[in-house]
Amino acid sequence: MVKTELSLEVSNSPNLKVMRLFDTSHYCPDEIIENYLVEVLPVNKTVWVTFNVAKRFSLALNSSNLRYKKASDEEHLIELQDGIYEIKQSFKPNLFTFSHYYHMRTTELSNKLQIQRTKLLSTQCSISRDEYFKERDKLRDIEEFITAAKWMVEECNDKEKGKELYEFSRKLLEKYTNDCKC
């Protein structure tokens, strides 16, 4: 007997104010999906936020609906924090049909990394080839640590190691920006 298999993806957008969840579940045609819920535990929060959704949902999370700051329009939204977001997806009977995910948001750090990469590319003609490769490799190392942090949290469910790798990559990027005086 084939059963419905729940899954979701989190967008990889550089937008600091929005995080979008996409339903990637496989649904059995004969199974009725009722009381379909997505619950999110935001960074630095202790209370889960519940959203009623339908099959093939696309859910935009922001600072208002995650209860960081009430906002009536987009310009009043604040940036979502980098860190670990826990997500539960379930349908009736919710106790027995749920999936639990960890998402390591690295949007702010990744955007800062891209800014440094862009700056390096713009100076490519004014520095030596060896210097360019040396700086490029430093940025690639930082990117690899960010990727490793996401992997540890999302695939290995090791939140502590993921946080440790994230902090290490943040400090490397901070050191890089101080070294190059950008």
Protein backbone atom coordinates (compact mmCIF):
# COMPACT_ATOMS: atom_id res chain seq x y z
CA MET A 1 0.00 0.00 0.00
CA VAL A 2 1.41 3.35 -1.08
CA LYS A 3 1.07 6.07 1.52
CA THR A 4 1.30 9.82 1.38
CA GLU A 5 4.86 10.94 2.02
CA LEU A 6 5.31 14.42 3.44
CA SER A 7 8.23 16.61 2.45
CA LEU A 8 8.97 20.28 1.98
CA GLU A 9 11.72 22.55 0.73
CA VAL A 10 12.85 25.93 1.95
CA SER A 11 13.68 28.47 -0.75
CA ASN A 12 17.24 29.61 -1.12
CA SER A 13 16.34 33.23 -1.78
CA PRO A 14 18.64 36.10 -0.76
CA ASN A 15 15.59 37.99 0.57
CA LEU A 16 16.32 38.74 4.23
CA LYS A 17 12.70 39.48 5.12
CA VAL A 18 11.01 36.35 3.75
CA MET A 19 11.55 32.60 3.97
CA ARG A 20 9.34 30.52 1.68
CA LEU A 21 8.33 26.90 2.30
CA PHE A 22 7.24 24.74 -0.64
CA ASP A 23 5.28 21.50 -0.40
CA THR A 24 7.14 18.70 -2.18
CA SER A 25 5.05 15.85 -0.75
CA HIS A 26 3.86 12.79 -2.63
CA TYR A 27 0.12 12.38 -2.16
CA CYS A 28 -1.84 9.18 -2.65
CA PRO A 29 -4.86 9.88 -4.84
CA ASP A 30 -7.28 8.02 -2.57
CA GLU A 31 -6.07 9.49 0.73
CA ILE A 32 -8.04 12.39 2.21
CA ILE A 33 -5.82 15.10 3.66
CA GLU A 34 -7.54 16.98 6.50
CA ASN A 35 -6.26 19.33 9.17
CA TYR A 36 -3.03 19.89 7.23
CA LEU A 37 -0.65 21.88 9.43
CA VAL A 38 2.79 23.39 9.22
CA GLU A 39 4.27 24.41 12.56
CA VAL A 40 7.39 26.56 12.82
CA LEU A 41 9.62 27.19 15.82
CA PRO A 42 11.49 30.40 14.91
CA VAL A 43 15.00 31.25 16.08
CA ASN A 44 15.09 32.43 19.73
CA LYS A 45 11.42 31.55 20.30
CA THR A 46 9.88 28.94 22.58
CA VAL A 47 6.39 28.88 21.09
CA TRP A 48 5.53 27.12 17.83
CA VAL A 49 3.59 29.11 15.21
CA THR A 50 0.92 27.06 13.42
CA PHE A 51 -0.26 27.55 9.83
CA ASN A 52 -3.21 25.78 8.22
CA VAL A 53 -2.20 24.82 4.69
CA ALA A 54 -3.51 22.84 1.71
CA LYS A 55 -1.82 20.31 -0.58
CA ARG A 56 0.96 21.76 -2.73
CA PHE A 57 1.22 24.84 -0.51
CA SER A 58 3.67 27.68 -0.85
CA LEU A 59 4.01 29.45 2.49
CA ALA A 60 5.80 32.78 2.89
CA LEU A 61 7.17 33.27 6.40
CA ASN A 62 8.11 36.74 7.63
CA SER A 63 8.70 38.63 10.86
CA SER A 64 5.00 39.38 11.24
CA ASN A 65 3.51 35.91 10.83
CA LEU A 66 6.37 34.42 12.88
CA ARG A 67 5.46 36.91 15.63
CA TYR A 68 8.73 38.81 15.86
CA LYS A 69 7.11 42.17 15.02
CA LYS A 70 3.59 43.07 13.91
CA ALA A 71 3.59 44.70 10.51
CA SER A 72 0.75 45.65 8.22
CA ASP A 73 2.88 46.11 5.10
CA GLU A 74 6.16 44.87 3.67
CA GLU A 75 8.19 47.97 4.48
CA HIS A 76 7.62 47.46 8.22
CA LEU A 77 8.86 43.86 8.21
CA ILE A 78 12.20 43.22 9.88
CA GLU A 79 14.83 40.81 8.61
CA LEU A 80 14.53 37.19 9.65
CA GLN A 81 17.46 35.98 11.70
CA ASP A 82 19.95 33.41 10.55
CA GLY A 83 19.83 30.32 12.71
CA ILE A 84 17.94 27.08 13.18
CA TYR A 85 14.22 26.97 12.40
CA GLU A 86 12.35 23.81 13.36
CA ILE A 87 9.45 22.85 11.11
CA LYS A 88 6.75 20.22 11.57
CA GLN A 89 4.40 19.14 8.82
CA SER A 90 1.35 16.96 9.59
CA PHE A 91 -2.22 16.02 8.67
CA LYS A 92 -5.07 14.23 10.43
CA PRO A 93 -4.40 12.17 12.51
CA ASN A 94 -1.60 14.67 13.18
CA LEU A 95 0.00 12.69 15.98
CA PHE A 96 0.80 9.80 13.63
CA THR A 97 1.34 11.53 10.29
CA PHE A 98 4.02 14.13 10.77
CA SER A 99 7.52 15.01 9.62
CA HIS A 100 9.97 17.10 11.61
CA TYR A 101 12.70 19.15 9.92
CA TYR A 102 15.52 21.46 10.90
CA HIS A 103 16.36 24.37 8.61
CA MET A 104 19.61 26.29 9.06
CA ARG A 105 18.99 29.75 7.64
CA THR A 106 22.24 31.31 6.43
CA THR A 107 20.82 34.08 4.23
CA GLU A 108 22.43 37.07 5.96
CA LEU A 109 25.87 35.46 6.10
CA SER A 110 25.61 34.20 2.51
CA ASN A 111 24.62 37.67 1.28
CA LYS A 112 27.64 39.19 3.05
CA LEU A 113 29.84 36.56 1.44
CA GLN A 114 28.44 37.42 -2.01
CA ILE A 115 29.17 41.11 -1.42
CA GLN A 116 32.81 40.26 -0.69
CA ARG A 117 32.98 38.00 -3.74
CA THR A 118 31.62 40.84 -5.90
CA LYS A 119 34.16 43.27 -4.44
CA LEU A 120 36.95 40.83 -5.19
CA LEU A 121 35.78 40.40 -8.78
CA SER A 122 35.67 44.17 -9.25
CA THR A 123 39.33 44.44 -8.13
CA GLN A 124 40.47 41.48 -10.20
CA CYS A 125 42.34 43.67 -12.70
CA SER A 126 44.09 45.76 -10.05
CA ILE A 127 45.65 42.94 -8.01
CA SER A 128 48.08 40.21 -8.94
CA ARG A 129 46.84 36.85 -10.16
CA ASP A 130 48.28 35.12 -7.08
CA GLU A 131 46.63 37.61 -4.72
CA TYR A 132 43.30 37.18 -6.51
CA PHE A 133 43.49 33.37 -6.19
CA LYS A 134 44.50 33.63 -2.54
CA GLU A 135 41.53 35.88 -1.71
CA ARG A 136 39.14 33.80 -3.82
CA ASP A 137 40.20 30.66 -1.98
CA LYS A 138 39.54 32.33 1.39
CA LEU A 139 35.99 33.13 0.25
CA ARG A 140 35.50 29.58 -1.02
CA ASP A 141 36.62 28.22 2.35
CA ILE A 142 34.04 30.38 4.11
CA GLU A 143 31.35 29.18 1.73
CA GLU A 144 32.30 25.56 2.41
CA PHE A 145 31.93 26.10 6.18
CA ILE A 146 28.49 27.66 5.65
CA THR A 147 27.47 24.66 3.54
CA ALA A 148 28.84 22.30 6.18
CA ALA A 149 26.85 24.08 8.90
CA LYS A 150 23.63 23.64 6.90
CA TRP A 151 24.47 19.97 6.26
CA MET A 152 25.14 19.24 9.92
CA VAL A 153 21.79 20.75 10.97
CA GLU A 154 19.52 19.71 8.11
CA GLU A 155 20.89 16.28 7.21
CA CYS A 156 22.66 15.10 10.37
CA ASN A 157 20.31 16.80 12.89
CA ASP A 158 23.36 17.99 14.84
CA LYS A 159 22.29 21.49 15.87
CA GLU A 160 25.31 22.14 18.10
CA LYS A 161 27.88 21.26 15.43
CA GLY A 162 25.91 23.28 12.87
CA LYS A 163 25.92 26.34 15.14
CA GLU A 164 29.63 25.88 15.77
CA LEU A 165 30.40 25.74 12.03
CA TYR A 166 28.15 28.73 11.35
CA GLU A 167 29.95 30.80 14.01
CA PHE A 168 33.32 29.75 12.65
CA SER A 169 32.36 30.82 9.12
CA ARG A 170 30.96 34.11 10.46
CA LYS A 171 34.26 34.81 12.24
CA LEU A 172 36.25 33.90 9.11
CA LEU A 173 34.19 36.34 7.05
CA GLU A 174 34.58 39.02 9.71
CA LYS A 175 38.34 38.46 9.66
CA TYR A 176 38.37 38.56 5.86
CA THR A 177 36.56 41.91 5.74
CA ASN A 178 38.92 43.35 8.39
CA ASP A 179 42.01 42.08 6.56
CA CYS A 180 41.07 43.56 3.23
CA LYS A 181 39.81 46.82 4.80
CA CYS A 182 36.66 46.65 2.64
